[in-house]
C-alpha atoms as a PDB file:
ATOM      1  CA  UNK A   1     -28.038  -2.914 -10.657  1.00  0.00           C
ATOM      2  CA  UNK A   2     -29.388  -2.811  -7.102  1.00  0.00           C
ATOM      3  CA  UNK A   3     -29.587  -6.607  -7.009  1.00  0.00           C
ATOM      4  CA  UNK A   4     -25.946  -6.890  -8.032  1.00  0.00           C
ATOM      5  CA  UNK A   5     -24.838  -4.485  -5.324  1.00  0.00           C
ATOM      6  CA  UNK A   6     -26.962  -6.304  -2.746  1.00  0.00           C
ATOM      7  CA  UNK A   7     -25.475  -9.651  -3.739  1.00  0.00           C
ATOM      8  CA  UNK A   8     -21.946  -8.236  -3.554  1.00  0.00           C
ATOM      9  CA  UNK A   9     -22.566  -6.776  -0.093  1.00  0.00           C
ATOM     10  CA  UNK A  10     -24.102 -10.073   1.049  1.00  0.00           C
ATOM     11  CA  UNK A  11     -21.010 -11.975  -0.111  1.00  0.00           C
ATOM     12  CA  UNK A  12     -18.749  -9.526   1.724  1.00  0.00           C
ATOM     13  CA  UNK A  13     -20.871  -9.930   4.855  1.00  0.00           C
ATOM     14  CA  UNK A  14     -20.616 -13.712   4.738  1.00  0.00           C
ATOM     15  CA  UNK A  15     -16.842 -13.532   4.314  1.00  0.00           C
ATOM     16  CA  UNK A  16     -16.520 -11.076   7.189  1.00  0.00           C
ATOM     17  CA  UNK A  17     -18.628 -13.251   9.499  1.00  0.00           C
ATOM     18  CA  UNK A  18     -16.623 -16.321   8.502  1.00  0.00           C
ATOM     19  CA  UNK A  19     -13.354 -14.583   9.333  1.00  0.00           C
ATOM     20  CA  UNK A  20     -14.766 -13.317  12.632  1.00  0.00           C
ATOM     21  CA  UNK A  21     -15.818 -16.846  13.571  1.00  0.00           C
ATOM     22  CA  UNK A  22     -12.325 -18.128  12.770  1.00  0.00           C
ATOM     23  CA  UNK A  23     -10.785 -15.435  14.940  1.00  0.00           C
ATOM     24  CA  UNK A  24     -13.078 -16.246  17.850  1.00  0.00           C
ATOM     25  CA  UNK A  25     -12.322 -19.966  17.575  1.00  0.00           C
ATOM     26  CA  UNK A  26      -8.539 -19.520  17.305  1.00  0.00           C
ATOM     27  CA  UNK A  27      -7.859 -20.235  21.023  1.00  0.00           C
ATOM     28  CA  UNK A  28      -9.966 -23.405  20.747  1.00  0.00           C
ATOM     29  CA  UNK A  29      -7.859 -24.554  17.798  1.00  0.00           C
ATOM     30  CA  UNK A  30      -4.700 -23.719  19.739  1.00  0.00           C
ATOM     31  CA  UNK A  31      -5.689 -25.825  22.746  1.00  0.00           C
ATOM     32  CA  UNK A  32      -6.687 -28.665  20.446  1.00  0.00           C
ATOM     33  CA  UNK A  33      -3.330 -28.543  18.666  1.00  0.00           C
ATOM     34  CA  UNK A  34      -1.397 -28.495  21.953  1.00  0.00           C
ATOM     35  CA  UNK A  35      -3.459 -31.430  23.194  1.00  0.00           C
ATOM     36  CA  UNK A  36      -2.634 -33.375  20.019  1.00  0.00           C
ATOM     37  CA  UNK A  37       1.087 -32.729  20.377  1.00  0.00           C
ATOM     38  CA  UNK A  38       1.485 -29.886  17.873  1.00  0.00           C
ATOM     39  CA  UNK A  39       3.066 -27.596  20.455  1.00  0.00           C
ATOM     40  CA  UNK A  40       4.646 -25.022  18.147  1.00  0.00           C
ATOM     41  CA  UNK A  41       1.511 -24.488  16.105  1.00  0.00           C
ATOM     42  CA  UNK A  42      -0.646 -24.330  19.236  1.00  0.00           C
ATOM     43  CA  UNK A  43       1.608 -21.799  20.923  1.00  0.00           C
ATOM     44  CA  UNK A  44       1.746 -19.675  17.781  1.00  0.00           C
ATOM     45  CA  UNK A  45      -2.048 -19.669  17.575  1.00  0.00           C
ATOM     46  CA  UNK A  46      -2.317 -18.778  21.256  1.00  0.00           C
ATOM     47  CA  UNK A  47       0.134 -15.912  20.892  1.00  0.00           C
ATOM     48  CA  UNK A  48      -1.698 -14.616  17.807  1.00  0.00           C
ATOM     49  CA  UNK A  49      -5.032 -14.698  19.611  1.00  0.00           C
ATOM     50  CA  UNK A  50      -3.508 -12.965  22.636  1.00  0.00           C
ATOM     51  CA  UNK A  51      -2.053 -10.278  20.385  1.00  0.00           C
ATOM     52  CA  UNK A  52      -5.435  -9.803  18.707  1.00  0.00           C
ATOM     53  CA  UNK A  53      -7.205  -9.480  22.060  1.00  0.00           C
ATOM     54  CA  UNK A  54      -4.612  -7.002  23.294  1.00  0.00           C
ATOM     55  CA  UNK A  55      -4.867  -4.862  20.152  1.00  0.00           C
ATOM     56  CA  UNK A  56      -8.668  -4.828  20.281  1.00  0.00           C
ATOM     57  CA  UNK A  57      -8.541  -3.895  23.982  1.00  0.00           C
ATOM     58  CA  UNK A  58      -6.102  -1.019  23.399  1.00  0.00           C
ATOM     59  CA  UNK A  59      -8.163   0.323  20.499  1.00  0.00           C
ATOM     60  CA  UNK A  60     -11.437   0.211  22.416  1.00  0.00           C
ATOM     61  CA  UNK A  61     -10.106   1.370  25.811  1.00  0.00           C
ATOM     62  CA  UNK A  62      -8.012   4.497  25.365  1.00  0.00           C
ATOM     63  CA  UNK A  63      -5.580   5.441  28.076  1.00  0.00           C
ATOM     64  CA  UNK A  64      -6.290   8.028  30.695  1.00  0.00           C
ATOM     65  CA  UNK A  65      -6.438  11.548  29.356  1.00  0.00           C
ATOM     66  CA  UNK A  66      -4.245  14.147  30.955  1.00  0.00           C
ATOM     67  CA  UNK A  67      -6.015  16.525  33.279  1.00  0.00           C
ATOM     68  CA  UNK A  68      -6.114  20.091  32.033  1.00  0.00           C
ATOM     69  CA  UNK A  69      -4.226  22.631  34.144  1.00  0.00           C
ATOM     70  CA  UNK A  70      -6.397  24.551  36.567  1.00  0.00           C
ATOM     71  CA  UNK A  71      -5.517  27.844  34.889  1.00  0.00           C
ATOM     72  CA  UNK A  72      -6.777  26.565  31.541  1.00  0.00           C
ATOM     73  CA  UNK A  73     -10.015  25.396  33.105  1.00  0.00           C
ATOM     74  CA  UNK A  74     -10.619  28.660  34.931  1.00  0.00           C
ATOM     75  CA  UNK A  75      -9.773  30.937  31.998  1.00  0.00           C
ATOM     76  CA  UNK A  76     -12.932  32.137  30.281  1.00  0.00           C
ATOM     77  CA  UNK A  77     -11.198  34.430  27.780  1.00  0.00           C
END
């Protein structure tokens, strides 16, 4: 039973790493496609990679938090 679970988790890990490698290489594929004359496909890949970078950045870097009012900070209740 434990061997089956370990094998299943290993397969999931390999698939996740494969997809991560594809995502990292997407801008390289886009530049290659543009260089070969496939402009639409290259621009679509570039826009998808830019959207992915933007979404990862916004998830990992939250916006500035609002400062608490002075009265709320001073109140000790």
